[in-house]
Structure formats: structure tokens, C-alpha cells
């Protein structure tokens, strides 16, 4: 009879994600992972096989819990116009950095510049997450009374995506209220050139 698992997989994956988030893939040693996840080496290898496998699971977890929720909100027409949904996302990120002192940034941003991103499987996973987020912005930008030009939607979605990553990085660096407000204002101008 198999022994029951002595740890909660979601709790362990969340702990591993925060370790990778704070220290990067290379600097997150197995010893650090075991300590953060509060599991034994035997349990780790039985459940996750190796460091890369747990890293991929943390990316999937972030994709599901954060990127997925963000994309669903961007596509949810019950949350206002497409422009309103984009601006609400930027306002929330800016407000979190301004008022809560949120300096955690974005796990996806960190992962994209981490050395682990040079691994083909990890890179593919990260690119899929970026593409999902871009598609969320595209869907929101397409939600207009008159169908916008597809080239404008594509280019603007990529501009908004770049601004999103920039705001997340600046938030991690402790951006000022003025800088946060300016970032949101620029996105407003980008998605509605008449402003």
C-alpha cells in the first residue's frame, strides 16, 4: 500500500515559486527548495523528479493563477469596455506598488530574464504565457463600437504588453506615485489616441 503524501502539493509549489521568484532558477539550490517547500529530498524527487520539473510546475501555477486570471478579466465584457479593462489592470498594478509597497514585481518578468529561459522547454512555456497575455490585450482592444484595424490592434497590444512589463519592473524598483501615474496616462493615450 502506498504511503499518503505528507505535504500539500499546492503549498509546496507556491513556496518553490516564491523562492525562484526571489532568487532566480540558478540560485535556488535543492537545499533551499527543500527548506522553502518543507519537504524531504525523497518526497521532492518522488513528487517532482528534479529542479527543472518543479520550475515548470511553478510557471504553470503562475500562468493559471495570475496570467489566466488577468487574461480572463481583460476578456470579460461584463467588466466595462476593453479600454476600461486595460486601464483597470494598470491602475491596480500601479496602486499596489504605490500604496502597498508591493516590490515583488512579476514572476513572469523575472523568469523571462532568468538564465533558465535559455532552456528550450522553459522558453516555450514562457513565450506561451507572454502570448496569452498579449491575446488578452488584443481582445480588450478589439472590444470597440467600430471594428478597429487589425494592424493597429496587433501593434497596440504589443505596446500595452511592453508597458505592462515595464510597470511591473518599475514597481519592483519602488516607482514613485508620479511615475506610476505617468505610466497609466501613457497607456491611456496609447489605447485611445484621441486623448
N, C-alpha and C. Protein backbone atom coordinates (compact mmCIF):
# COMPACT_ATOMS: atom_id res chain seq x y z
N UNK A 1 0.84 -1.18 0.00
CA UNK A 1 0.00 0.00 0.00
C UNK A 1 0.89 1.25 0.00
N UNK A 2 0.58 2.20 -0.89
CA UNK A 2 1.37 3.42 -1.00
C UNK A 2 1.11 4.33 0.20
N UNK A 3 2.18 4.97 0.65
CA UNK A 3 2.04 5.91 1.76
C UNK A 3 1.41 7.20 1.25
N UNK A 4 0.53 7.82 2.04
CA UNK A 4 -0.06 9.09 1.61
C UNK A 4 1.00 10.19 1.59
N UNK A 5 0.79 11.16 0.73
CA UNK A 5 1.71 12.31 0.66
C UNK A 5 1.69 13.06 1.98
N UNK A 6 2.86 13.47 2.41
CA UNK A 6 2.98 14.16 3.69
C UNK A 6 3.03 15.67 3.54
N UNK A 7 2.68 16.17 2.36
CA UNK A 7 2.69 17.61 2.13
C UNK A 7 1.61 17.95 1.13
N UNK A 8 1.21 19.21 1.14
CA UNK A 8 0.22 19.69 0.19
C UNK A 8 0.96 20.18 -1.06
N UNK A 9 0.71 19.56 -2.22
CA UNK A 9 1.44 19.95 -3.43
C UNK A 9 1.30 21.44 -3.79
N UNK A 10 0.10 22.01 -3.66
CA UNK A 10 -0.08 23.43 -3.99
C UNK A 10 0.75 24.33 -3.08
N UNK A 11 0.78 24.00 -1.80
CA UNK A 11 1.58 24.78 -0.85
C UNK A 11 3.06 24.67 -1.20
N UNK A 12 3.51 23.47 -1.54
CA UNK A 12 4.91 23.25 -1.89
C UNK A 12 5.27 23.99 -3.19
N UNK A 13 4.39 23.95 -4.18
CA UNK A 13 4.64 24.63 -5.45
C UNK A 13 4.67 26.14 -5.25
N UNK A 14 3.76 26.65 -4.44
CA UNK A 14 3.74 28.09 -4.15
C UNK A 14 5.04 28.52 -3.47
N UNK A 15 5.50 27.73 -2.52
CA UNK A 15 6.74 28.05 -1.82
C UNK A 15 7.92 28.02 -2.79
N UNK A 16 7.96 27.03 -3.67
CA UNK A 16 9.04 26.95 -4.66
C UNK A 16 8.97 28.14 -5.61
N UNK A 17 7.76 28.51 -6.02
CA UNK A 17 7.61 29.65 -6.92
C UNK A 17 8.19 30.91 -6.29
N UNK A 18 7.89 31.16 -5.03
CA UNK A 18 8.40 32.36 -4.36
C UNK A 18 9.92 32.33 -4.22
N UNK A 19 10.47 31.15 -4.03
CA UNK A 19 11.93 31.05 -3.96
C UNK A 19 12.54 31.37 -5.33
N UNK A 20 12.02 30.77 -6.39
CA UNK A 20 12.51 31.07 -7.74
C UNK A 20 12.30 32.55 -8.07
N UNK A 21 11.16 33.09 -7.67
CA UNK A 21 10.82 34.48 -7.91
C UNK A 21 11.85 35.41 -7.28
N UNK A 22 12.21 35.11 -6.03
CA UNK A 22 13.13 35.97 -5.30
C UNK A 22 14.60 35.78 -5.69
N UNK A 23 14.97 34.53 -6.02
CA UNK A 23 16.40 34.22 -6.22
C UNK A 23 16.78 33.79 -7.62
N UNK A 24 15.80 33.51 -8.47
CA UNK A 24 16.10 33.02 -9.80
C UNK A 24 16.35 31.52 -9.80
N UNK A 25 16.36 30.95 -10.95
CA UNK A 25 16.49 29.50 -11.10
C UNK A 25 17.86 29.01 -10.62
N UNK A 26 18.91 29.65 -11.07
CA UNK A 26 20.27 29.19 -10.76
C UNK A 26 20.56 29.24 -9.27
N UNK A 27 20.15 30.29 -8.60
CA UNK A 27 20.48 30.47 -7.19
C UNK A 27 19.54 29.74 -6.23
N UNK A 28 18.52 29.13 -6.75
CA UNK A 28 17.61 28.35 -5.91
C UNK A 28 18.15 26.92 -5.84
N UNK A 29 18.96 26.66 -4.84
CA UNK A 29 19.56 25.33 -4.70
C UNK A 29 18.53 24.32 -4.22
N UNK A 30 18.88 23.05 -4.36
CA UNK A 30 17.98 22.00 -3.89
C UNK A 30 17.75 22.13 -2.40
N UNK A 31 18.80 22.43 -1.65
CA UNK A 31 18.65 22.60 -0.20
C UNK A 31 17.68 23.74 0.13
N UNK A 32 17.80 24.84 -0.61
CA UNK A 32 16.88 25.97 -0.39
C UNK A 32 15.45 25.58 -0.76
N UNK A 33 15.30 24.85 -1.85
CA UNK A 33 13.96 24.40 -2.26
C UNK A 33 13.34 23.50 -1.19
N UNK A 34 14.11 22.54 -0.70
CA UNK A 34 13.58 21.62 0.32
C UNK A 34 13.16 22.38 1.57
N UNK A 35 13.97 23.35 1.96
CA UNK A 35 13.64 24.15 3.15
C UNK A 35 12.38 24.99 2.92
N UNK A 36 12.32 25.65 1.76
CA UNK A 36 11.16 26.50 1.47
C UNK A 36 9.89 25.68 1.34
N UNK A 37 10.00 24.53 0.68
CA UNK A 37 8.83 23.69 0.43
C UNK A 37 8.45 22.83 1.63
N UNK A 38 9.36 22.75 2.62
CA UNK A 38 9.15 21.96 3.84
C UNK A 38 8.89 20.48 3.52
N UNK A 39 9.74 19.94 2.64
CA UNK A 39 9.62 18.53 2.29
C UNK A 39 11.02 17.89 2.31
N UNK A 40 11.04 16.58 2.36
CA UNK A 40 12.30 15.85 2.35
C UNK A 40 12.79 15.65 0.92
N UNK A 41 14.06 15.32 0.80
CA UNK A 41 14.64 15.08 -0.51
C UNK A 41 13.92 13.93 -1.22
N UNK A 42 13.61 12.87 -0.48
CA UNK A 42 12.91 11.73 -1.07
C UNK A 42 11.53 12.13 -1.60
N UNK A 43 10.80 12.92 -0.81
CA UNK A 43 9.48 13.38 -1.25
C UNK A 43 9.59 14.28 -2.47
N UNK A 44 10.62 15.14 -2.47
CA UNK A 44 10.83 16.04 -3.61
C UNK A 44 11.02 15.23 -4.89
N UNK A 45 11.96 14.29 -4.86
CA UNK A 45 12.25 13.53 -6.08
C UNK A 45 11.08 12.64 -6.50
N UNK A 46 10.36 12.14 -5.53
CA UNK A 46 9.20 11.29 -5.86
C UNK A 46 8.08 12.12 -6.50
N UNK A 47 7.86 13.32 -5.99
CA UNK A 47 6.76 14.15 -6.47
C UNK A 47 7.13 14.98 -7.70
N UNK A 48 8.39 15.46 -7.76
CA UNK A 48 8.73 16.44 -8.79
C UNK A 48 9.88 16.04 -9.71
N UNK A 49 10.58 14.96 -9.42
CA UNK A 49 11.66 14.42 -10.25
C UNK A 49 12.95 15.24 -10.17
N UNK A 50 12.90 16.53 -10.50
CA UNK A 50 14.12 17.33 -10.47
C UNK A 50 13.77 18.82 -10.40
N UNK A 51 14.80 19.64 -10.32
CA UNK A 51 14.63 21.09 -10.17
C UNK A 51 13.89 21.70 -11.36
N UNK A 52 14.24 21.28 -12.55
CA UNK A 52 13.57 21.82 -13.74
C UNK A 52 12.08 21.50 -13.72
N UNK A 53 11.74 20.30 -13.31
CA UNK A 53 10.32 19.90 -13.27
C UNK A 53 9.52 20.78 -12.31
N UNK A 54 10.09 21.06 -11.13
CA UNK A 54 9.37 21.91 -10.19
C UNK A 54 9.30 23.34 -10.73
N UNK A 55 10.35 23.77 -11.41
CA UNK A 55 10.33 25.12 -12.00
C UNK A 55 9.20 25.22 -13.03
N UNK A 56 9.07 24.22 -13.89
CA UNK A 56 7.98 24.21 -14.88
C UNK A 56 6.63 24.22 -14.18
N UNK A 57 6.52 23.50 -13.09
CA UNK A 57 5.25 23.49 -12.34
C UNK A 57 4.95 24.86 -11.74
N UNK A 58 5.98 25.56 -11.29
CA UNK A 58 5.76 26.90 -10.74
C UNK A 58 5.31 27.87 -11.84
N UNK A 59 5.88 27.71 -13.04
CA UNK A 59 5.45 28.55 -14.16
C UNK A 59 3.99 28.26 -14.51
N UNK A 60 3.64 26.97 -14.54
CA UNK A 60 2.25 26.60 -14.83
C UNK A 60 1.30 27.16 -13.77
N UNK A 61 1.73 27.10 -12.52
CA UNK A 61 0.91 27.60 -11.42
C UNK A 61 0.68 29.10 -11.58
N UNK A 62 1.74 29.86 -11.86
CA UNK A 62 1.62 31.31 -12.05
C UNK A 62 0.77 31.62 -13.29
N UNK A 63 0.95 30.83 -14.32
CA UNK A 63 0.16 31.01 -15.54
C UNK A 63 -1.32 30.84 -15.23
N UNK A 64 -1.64 29.81 -14.47
CA UNK A 64 -3.04 29.54 -14.13
C UNK A 64 -3.61 30.58 -13.17
N UNK A 65 -2.89 30.86 -12.10
CA UNK A 65 -3.42 31.71 -11.03
C UNK A 65 -3.35 33.20 -11.33
N UNK A 66 -2.30 33.66 -12.01
CA UNK A 66 -2.13 35.09 -12.21
C UNK A 66 -2.38 35.49 -13.67
N UNK A 67 -1.64 34.91 -14.59
CA UNK A 67 -1.81 35.27 -16.00
C UNK A 67 -3.22 34.89 -16.46
N UNK A 68 -3.67 33.71 -16.12
CA UNK A 68 -5.01 33.28 -16.51
C UNK A 68 -6.10 34.20 -16.00
N UNK A 69 -6.00 34.58 -14.72
CA UNK A 69 -6.99 35.50 -14.14
C UNK A 69 -6.94 36.86 -14.83
N UNK A 70 -5.73 37.33 -15.11
CA UNK A 70 -5.57 38.62 -15.79
C UNK A 70 -6.20 38.59 -17.17
N UNK A 71 -5.94 37.52 -17.91
CA UNK A 71 -6.50 37.39 -19.27
C UNK A 71 -8.02 37.28 -19.20
N UNK A 72 -8.53 36.50 -18.26
CA UNK A 72 -9.99 36.39 -18.13
C UNK A 72 -10.62 37.76 -17.85
N UNK A 73 -10.00 38.56 -16.98
CA UNK A 73 -10.51 39.90 -16.70
C UNK A 73 -10.44 40.79 -17.92
N UNK A 74 -9.37 40.69 -18.69
CA UNK A 74 -9.24 41.51 -19.90
C UNK A 74 -10.31 41.15 -20.93
N UNK A 75 -10.74 39.90 -20.93
CA UNK A 75 -11.73 39.44 -21.92
C UNK A 75 -13.17 39.51 -21.42
N UNK A 76 -13.36 39.84 -20.16
CA UNK A 76 -14.69 39.84 -19.55
C UNK A 76 -15.45 41.12 -19.89
N UNK A 77 -16.36 41.03 -20.83
CA UNK A 77 -17.11 42.21 -21.28
C UNK A 77 -18.05 42.75 -20.20
N UNK A 78 -18.30 41.98 -19.15
CA UNK A 78 -19.10 42.49 -18.03
C UNK A 78 -18.32 43.48 -17.16
N UNK A 79 -17.02 43.60 -17.40
CA UNK A 79 -16.17 44.48 -16.59
C UNK A 79 -15.95 45.84 -17.25
N UNK A 80 -16.83 46.23 -18.15
CA UNK A 80 -16.69 47.53 -18.82
C UNK A 80 -16.12 47.37 -20.21
N UNK A 81 -15.80 48.50 -20.82
CA UNK A 81 -15.24 48.47 -22.18
C UNK A 81 -13.84 47.87 -22.15
N UNK A 82 -13.33 47.53 -23.32
CA UNK A 82 -11.98 46.99 -23.40
C UNK A 82 -10.96 47.96 -22.83
N UNK A 83 -11.11 49.24 -23.15
CA UNK A 83 -10.19 50.26 -22.63
C UNK A 83 -10.30 50.32 -21.11
N UNK A 84 -11.51 50.24 -20.58
CA UNK A 84 -11.69 50.26 -19.12
C UNK A 84 -11.00 49.08 -18.46
N UNK A 85 -11.08 47.91 -19.10
CA UNK A 85 -10.47 46.70 -18.52
C UNK A 85 -8.95 46.81 -18.51
N UNK A 86 -8.38 47.35 -19.58
CA UNK A 86 -6.93 47.53 -19.63
C UNK A 86 -6.50 48.54 -18.57
N UNK A 87 -7.19 49.66 -18.51
CA UNK A 87 -6.82 50.70 -17.54
C UNK A 87 -7.01 50.22 -16.11
N UNK A 88 -8.02 49.41 -15.86
CA UNK A 88 -8.22 48.87 -14.51
C UNK A 88 -7.04 48.00 -14.09
N UNK A 89 -6.53 47.21 -15.03
CA UNK A 89 -5.35 46.38 -14.73
C UNK A 89 -4.16 47.26 -14.40
N UNK A 90 -3.90 48.27 -15.21
CA UNK A 90 -2.75 49.15 -14.97
C UNK A 90 -2.92 49.92 -13.67
N UNK A 91 -4.13 50.39 -13.41
CA UNK A 91 -4.38 51.11 -12.15
C UNK A 91 -4.13 50.20 -10.95
N UNK A 92 -4.55 48.96 -11.05
CA UNK A 92 -4.37 48.02 -9.93
C UNK A 92 -2.89 47.76 -9.68
N UNK A 93 -2.12 47.55 -10.75
CA UNK A 93 -0.67 47.31 -10.59
C UNK A 93 -0.01 48.56 -10.00
N UNK A 94 -0.35 49.73 -10.54
CA UNK A 94 0.24 50.97 -10.04
C UNK A 94 -0.15 51.22 -8.59
N UNK A 95 -1.42 51.02 -8.27
CA UNK A 95 -1.89 51.25 -6.90
C UNK A 95 -1.19 50.32 -5.92
N UNK A 96 -1.02 49.07 -6.32
CA UNK A 96 -0.35 48.11 -5.45
C UNK A 96 1.08 48.54 -5.16
N UNK A 97 1.76 49.02 -6.17
CA UNK A 97 3.14 49.48 -5.98
C UNK A 97 3.18 50.76 -5.15
N UNK A 98 2.21 51.66 -5.38
CA UNK A 98 2.21 52.95 -4.67
C UNK A 98 1.80 52.82 -3.22
N UNK A 99 0.72 52.10 -2.96
CA UNK A 99 0.15 52.11 -1.61
C UNK A 99 0.60 50.95 -0.74
N UNK A 100 0.73 49.77 -1.33
CA UNK A 100 1.10 48.61 -0.52
C UNK A 100 2.60 48.41 -0.45
N UNK A 101 3.33 49.20 -1.22
CA UNK A 101 4.77 49.00 -1.27
C UNK A 101 5.12 47.67 -1.92
N UNK A 102 4.24 47.18 -2.81
CA UNK A 102 4.46 45.89 -3.47
C UNK A 102 5.70 45.98 -4.34
N UNK A 103 6.75 45.31 -3.91
CA UNK A 103 8.00 45.31 -4.66
C UNK A 103 8.31 43.92 -5.17
N UNK A 104 7.30 43.07 -5.21
CA UNK A 104 7.54 41.70 -5.68
C UNK A 104 7.64 41.64 -7.20
N UNK A 105 7.01 42.58 -7.88
CA UNK A 105 7.08 42.58 -9.34
C UNK A 105 6.23 41.46 -9.93
N UNK A 106 6.77 40.81 -10.93
CA UNK A 106 6.02 39.80 -11.69
C UNK A 106 6.92 38.59 -11.89
N UNK A 107 6.44 37.42 -11.52
CA UNK A 107 7.23 36.20 -11.68
C UNK A 107 7.55 35.96 -13.15
N UNK A 108 6.61 36.24 -14.04
CA UNK A 108 6.85 36.06 -15.47
C UNK A 108 7.99 36.98 -15.93
N UNK A 109 7.97 38.25 -15.50
CA UNK A 109 9.05 39.18 -15.87
C UNK A 109 10.40 38.63 -15.42
N UNK A 110 10.46 38.20 -14.17
CA UNK A 110 11.72 37.66 -13.64
C UNK A 110 12.16 36.43 -14.43
N UNK A 111 11.22 35.55 -14.71
CA UNK A 111 11.54 34.31 -15.42
C UNK A 111 12.03 34.58 -16.84
N UNK A 112 11.48 35.60 -17.48
CA UNK A 112 11.90 35.91 -18.85
C UNK A 112 13.36 36.33 -18.94
N UNK A 113 13.88 36.94 -17.90
CA UNK A 113 15.28 37.38 -17.95
C UNK A 113 16.22 36.44 -17.20
N UNK A 114 15.68 35.43 -16.59
CA UNK A 114 16.47 34.44 -15.86
C UNK A 114 17.24 33.56 -16.86
N UNK A 115 18.37 33.04 -16.44
CA UNK A 115 19.15 32.14 -17.30
C UNK A 115 18.37 30.90 -17.71
N UNK A 116 17.46 30.47 -16.86
CA UNK A 116 16.67 29.27 -17.18
C UNK A 116 15.87 29.45 -18.46
N UNK A 117 15.59 30.70 -18.82
CA UNK A 117 14.81 30.96 -20.04
C UNK A 117 15.53 30.51 -21.30
N UNK A 118 16.82 30.20 -21.20
CA UNK A 118 17.57 29.73 -22.36
C UNK A 118 17.33 28.25 -22.63
N UNK A 119 16.70 27.55 -21.72
CA UNK A 119 16.32 26.16 -21.94
C UNK A 119 15.11 26.16 -22.87
N UNK A 120 15.13 25.32 -23.91
CA UNK A 120 14.08 25.34 -24.94
C UNK A 120 12.69 25.10 -24.36
N UNK A 121 12.56 24.15 -23.46
CA UNK A 121 11.23 23.84 -22.89
C UNK A 121 10.72 24.98 -22.02
N UNK A 122 11.60 25.56 -21.23
CA UNK A 122 11.22 26.68 -20.38
C UNK A 122 10.88 27.89 -21.24
N UNK A 123 11.70 28.15 -22.25
CA UNK A 123 11.44 29.28 -23.14
C UNK A 123 10.08 29.14 -23.82
N UNK A 124 9.76 27.95 -24.26
CA UNK A 124 8.46 27.72 -24.91
C UNK A 124 7.32 28.03 -23.95
N UNK A 125 7.46 27.60 -22.70
CA UNK A 125 6.43 27.86 -21.69
C UNK A 125 6.27 29.35 -21.44
N UNK A 126 7.40 30.06 -21.33
CA UNK A 126 7.36 31.50 -21.08
C UNK A 126 6.75 32.25 -22.26
N UNK A 127 7.13 31.88 -23.47
CA UNK A 127 6.58 32.53 -24.66
C UNK A 127 5.07 32.32 -24.75
N UNK A 128 4.61 31.13 -24.37
CA UNK A 128 3.16 30.87 -24.38
C UNK A 128 2.44 31.78 -23.40
N UNK A 129 3.04 32.03 -22.24
CA UNK A 129 2.44 32.93 -21.25
C UNK A 129 2.38 34.36 -21.78
N UNK A 130 3.47 34.80 -22.40
CA UNK A 130 3.50 36.15 -22.97
C UNK A 130 2.44 36.27 -24.07
N UNK A 131 2.33 35.25 -24.90
CA UNK A 131 1.36 35.27 -25.99
C UNK A 131 -0.07 35.31 -25.44
N UNK A 132 -0.34 34.57 -24.37
CA UNK A 132 -1.66 34.61 -23.74
C UNK A 132 -2.00 36.00 -23.25
N UNK A 133 -1.04 36.64 -22.61
CA UNK A 133 -1.26 37.99 -22.11
C UNK A 133 -1.47 38.96 -23.26
N UNK A 134 -0.67 38.84 -24.31
CA UNK A 134 -0.87 39.69 -25.49
C UNK A 134 -2.26 39.49 -26.08
N UNK A 135 -2.71 38.25 -26.14
CA UNK A 135 -4.06 37.98 -26.67
C UNK A 135 -5.15 38.58 -25.80
N UNK A 136 -4.91 38.63 -24.50
CA UNK A 136 -5.87 39.29 -23.62
C UNK A 136 -5.97 40.77 -23.94
N UNK A 137 -4.82 41.40 -24.17
CA UNK A 137 -4.83 42.82 -24.54
C UNK A 137 -5.48 43.01 -25.92
N UNK A 138 -5.21 42.11 -26.85
CA UNK A 138 -5.84 42.20 -28.17
C UNK A 138 -7.35 42.13 -28.06
N UNK A 139 -7.84 41.17 -27.28
CA UNK A 139 -9.29 41.01 -27.13
C UNK A 139 -9.91 42.28 -26.55
N UNK A 140 -9.26 42.87 -25.57
CA UNK A 140 -9.79 44.10 -24.97
C UNK A 140 -9.76 45.24 -25.98
N UNK A 141 -8.71 45.33 -26.78
CA UNK A 141 -8.59 46.40 -27.77
C UNK A 141 -9.59 46.24 -28.91
N UNK A 142 -9.96 45.01 -29.21
CA UNK A 142 -10.93 44.77 -30.28
C UNK A 142 -12.36 45.10 -29.84
N UNK A 143 -12.56 45.23 -28.53
CA UNK A 143 -13.90 45.49 -27.98
C UNK A 143 -14.19 47.00 -28.10
N UNK A 144 -14.58 47.40 -29.31
CA UNK A 144 -14.90 48.80 -29.61
C UNK A 144 -16.16 48.83 -30.45
N UNK A 145 -16.86 49.96 -30.47
CA UNK A 145 -18.10 50.05 -31.27
C UNK A 145 -17.85 49.78 -32.76
N UNK A 146 -16.74 50.27 -33.28
CA UNK A 146 -16.39 50.02 -34.68
C UNK A 146 -15.15 49.16 -34.70
N UNK A 147 -15.19 48.11 -35.51
CA UNK A 147 -14.05 47.17 -35.55
C UNK A 147 -12.76 47.91 -35.92
N UNK A 148 -11.77 47.87 -35.02
CA UNK A 148 -10.52 48.58 -35.30
C UNK A 148 -9.65 47.83 -36.32
N UNK A 149 -8.74 48.55 -36.91
CA UNK A 149 -7.81 47.99 -37.87
C UNK A 149 -6.97 46.90 -37.18
N UNK A 150 -6.89 45.68 -37.75
CA UNK A 150 -6.14 44.59 -37.11
C UNK A 150 -4.66 44.93 -36.87
N UNK A 151 -4.06 45.70 -37.77
CA UNK A 151 -2.66 46.08 -37.56
C UNK A 151 -2.51 47.01 -36.36
N UNK A 152 -3.47 47.91 -36.17
CA UNK A 152 -3.46 48.79 -35.01
C UNK A 152 -3.62 47.96 -33.74
N UNK A 153 -4.53 47.00 -33.77
CA UNK A 153 -4.76 46.15 -32.59
C UNK A 153 -3.48 45.39 -32.24
N UNK A 154 -2.84 44.77 -33.24
CA UNK A 154 -1.62 43.99 -33.00
C UNK A 154 -0.53 44.88 -32.41
N UNK A 155 -0.24 45.99 -33.07
CA UNK A 155 0.84 46.87 -32.62
C UNK A 155 0.53 47.47 -31.25
N UNK A 156 -0.71 47.87 -31.03
CA UNK A 156 -1.08 48.49 -29.76
C UNK A 156 -1.05 47.46 -28.63
N UNK A 157 -1.51 46.25 -28.91
CA UNK A 157 -1.46 45.20 -27.88
C UNK A 157 -0.02 44.95 -27.45
N UNK A 158 0.90 44.96 -28.39
CA UNK A 158 2.31 44.75 -28.05
C UNK A 158 2.88 45.95 -27.30
N UNK A 159 2.43 47.14 -27.64
CA UNK A 159 2.85 48.33 -26.90
C UNK A 159 2.34 48.29 -25.47
N UNK A 160 1.08 47.87 -25.30
CA UNK A 160 0.49 47.77 -23.96
C UNK A 160 1.19 46.68 -23.17
N UNK A 161 1.51 45.56 -23.82
CA UNK A 161 2.23 44.47 -23.17
C UNK A 161 3.59 44.96 -22.66
N UNK A 162 4.30 45.70 -23.49
CA UNK A 162 5.59 46.25 -23.08
C UNK A 162 5.43 47.20 -21.90
N UNK A 163 4.39 48.02 -21.93
CA UNK A 163 4.12 48.94 -20.83
C UNK A 163 3.80 48.19 -19.55
N UNK A 164 3.05 47.08 -19.68
CA UNK A 164 2.69 46.27 -18.52
C UNK A 164 3.95 45.72 -17.86
N UNK A 165 4.82 45.12 -18.68
CA UNK A 165 6.07 44.58 -18.12
C UNK A 165 6.91 45.69 -17.51
N UNK A 166 6.96 46.83 -18.19
CA UNK A 166 7.72 47.96 -17.66
C UNK A 166 7.20 48.44 -16.33
N UNK A 167 5.88 48.54 -16.20
CA UNK A 167 5.28 48.98 -14.95
C UNK A 167 5.56 47.98 -13.83
N UNK A 168 5.51 46.68 -14.16
CA UNK A 168 5.79 45.65 -13.14
C UNK A 168 7.24 45.74 -12.67
N UNK A 169 8.16 45.98 -13.60
CA UNK A 169 9.57 46.10 -13.23
C UNK A 169 9.80 47.37 -12.41
N UNK A 170 9.19 48.48 -12.84
CA UNK A 170 9.34 49.73 -12.09
C UNK A 170 8.73 49.61 -10.70
N UNK A 171 7.61 48.88 -10.59
CA UNK A 171 7.01 48.65 -9.28
C UNK A 171 7.97 47.92 -8.36
N UNK A 172 8.66 46.93 -8.92
CA UNK A 172 9.65 46.19 -8.13
C UNK A 172 10.78 47.10 -7.68
N UNK A 173 11.10 48.09 -8.51
CA UNK A 173 12.18 49.02 -8.19
C UNK A 173 11.72 50.15 -7.26
N UNK A 174 10.43 50.18 -6.89
CA UNK A 174 9.93 51.20 -5.98
C UNK A 174 9.54 52.49 -6.65
N UNK A 175 8.84 52.40 -7.80
CA UNK A 175 8.47 53.60 -8.55
C UNK A 175 7.71 54.60 -7.70
N UNK A 176 7.85 55.86 -8.06
CA UNK A 176 7.16 56.93 -7.34
C UNK A 176 5.72 57.01 -7.82
N UNK A 177 4.88 57.69 -7.04
CA UNK A 177 3.48 57.90 -7.40
C UNK A 177 3.38 58.62 -8.74
N UNK A 178 4.22 59.63 -8.94
CA UNK A 178 4.19 60.39 -10.20
C UNK A 178 4.53 59.49 -11.38
N UNK A 179 5.55 58.64 -11.22
CA UNK A 179 5.93 57.75 -12.30
C UNK A 179 4.81 56.76 -12.61
N UNK A 180 4.19 56.22 -11.57
CA UNK A 180 3.08 55.29 -11.77
C UNK A 180 1.93 55.98 -12.51
N UNK A 181 1.59 57.19 -12.09
CA UNK A 181 0.51 57.93 -12.75
C UNK A 181 0.85 58.22 -14.21
N UNK A 182 2.11 58.56 -14.49
CA UNK A 182 2.52 58.83 -15.86
C UNK A 182 2.45 57.58 -16.73
N UNK A 183 2.82 56.45 -16.17
CA UNK A 183 2.74 55.18 -16.92
C UNK A 183 1.30 54.88 -17.31
N UNK A 184 0.39 55.02 -16.37
CA UNK A 184 -1.03 54.77 -16.65
C UNK A 184 -1.55 55.76 -17.69
N UNK A 185 -1.15 57.03 -17.57
CA UNK A 185 -1.59 58.05 -18.54
C UNK A 185 -1.08 57.72 -19.94
N UNK A 186 0.13 57.23 -20.06
CA UNK A 186 0.66 56.87 -21.37
C UNK A 186 -0.09 55.70 -21.99
N UNK A 187 -0.47 54.73 -21.17
CA UNK A 187 -1.26 53.61 -21.67
C UNK A 187 -2.62 54.11 -22.14
N UNK A 188 -3.21 55.03 -21.39
CA UNK A 188 -4.49 55.62 -21.78
C UNK A 188 -4.37 56.27 -23.16
N UNK A 189 -3.30 57.01 -23.39
CA UNK A 189 -3.09 57.64 -24.70
C UNK A 189 -2.85 56.62 -25.79
N UNK A 190 -2.14 55.55 -25.46
CA UNK A 190 -1.84 54.51 -26.43
C UNK A 190 -3.10 53.81 -26.92
N UNK A 191 -4.01 53.52 -25.98
CA UNK A 191 -5.21 52.77 -26.39
C UNK A 191 -6.31 53.66 -26.92
N UNK A 192 -6.21 54.97 -26.67
CA UNK A 192 -7.19 55.90 -27.22
C UNK A 192 -6.45 57.16 -27.67
N UNK A 193 -5.95 57.16 -28.92
CA UNK A 193 -5.13 58.27 -29.41
C UNK A 193 -5.82 59.63 -29.37
N UNK A 194 -7.15 59.69 -29.20
CA UNK A 194 -7.84 60.97 -29.16
C UNK A 194 -7.64 61.71 -27.85
N UNK A 195 -7.14 60.99 -26.84
CA UNK A 195 -6.94 61.62 -25.50
C UNK A 195 -5.76 62.57 -25.56
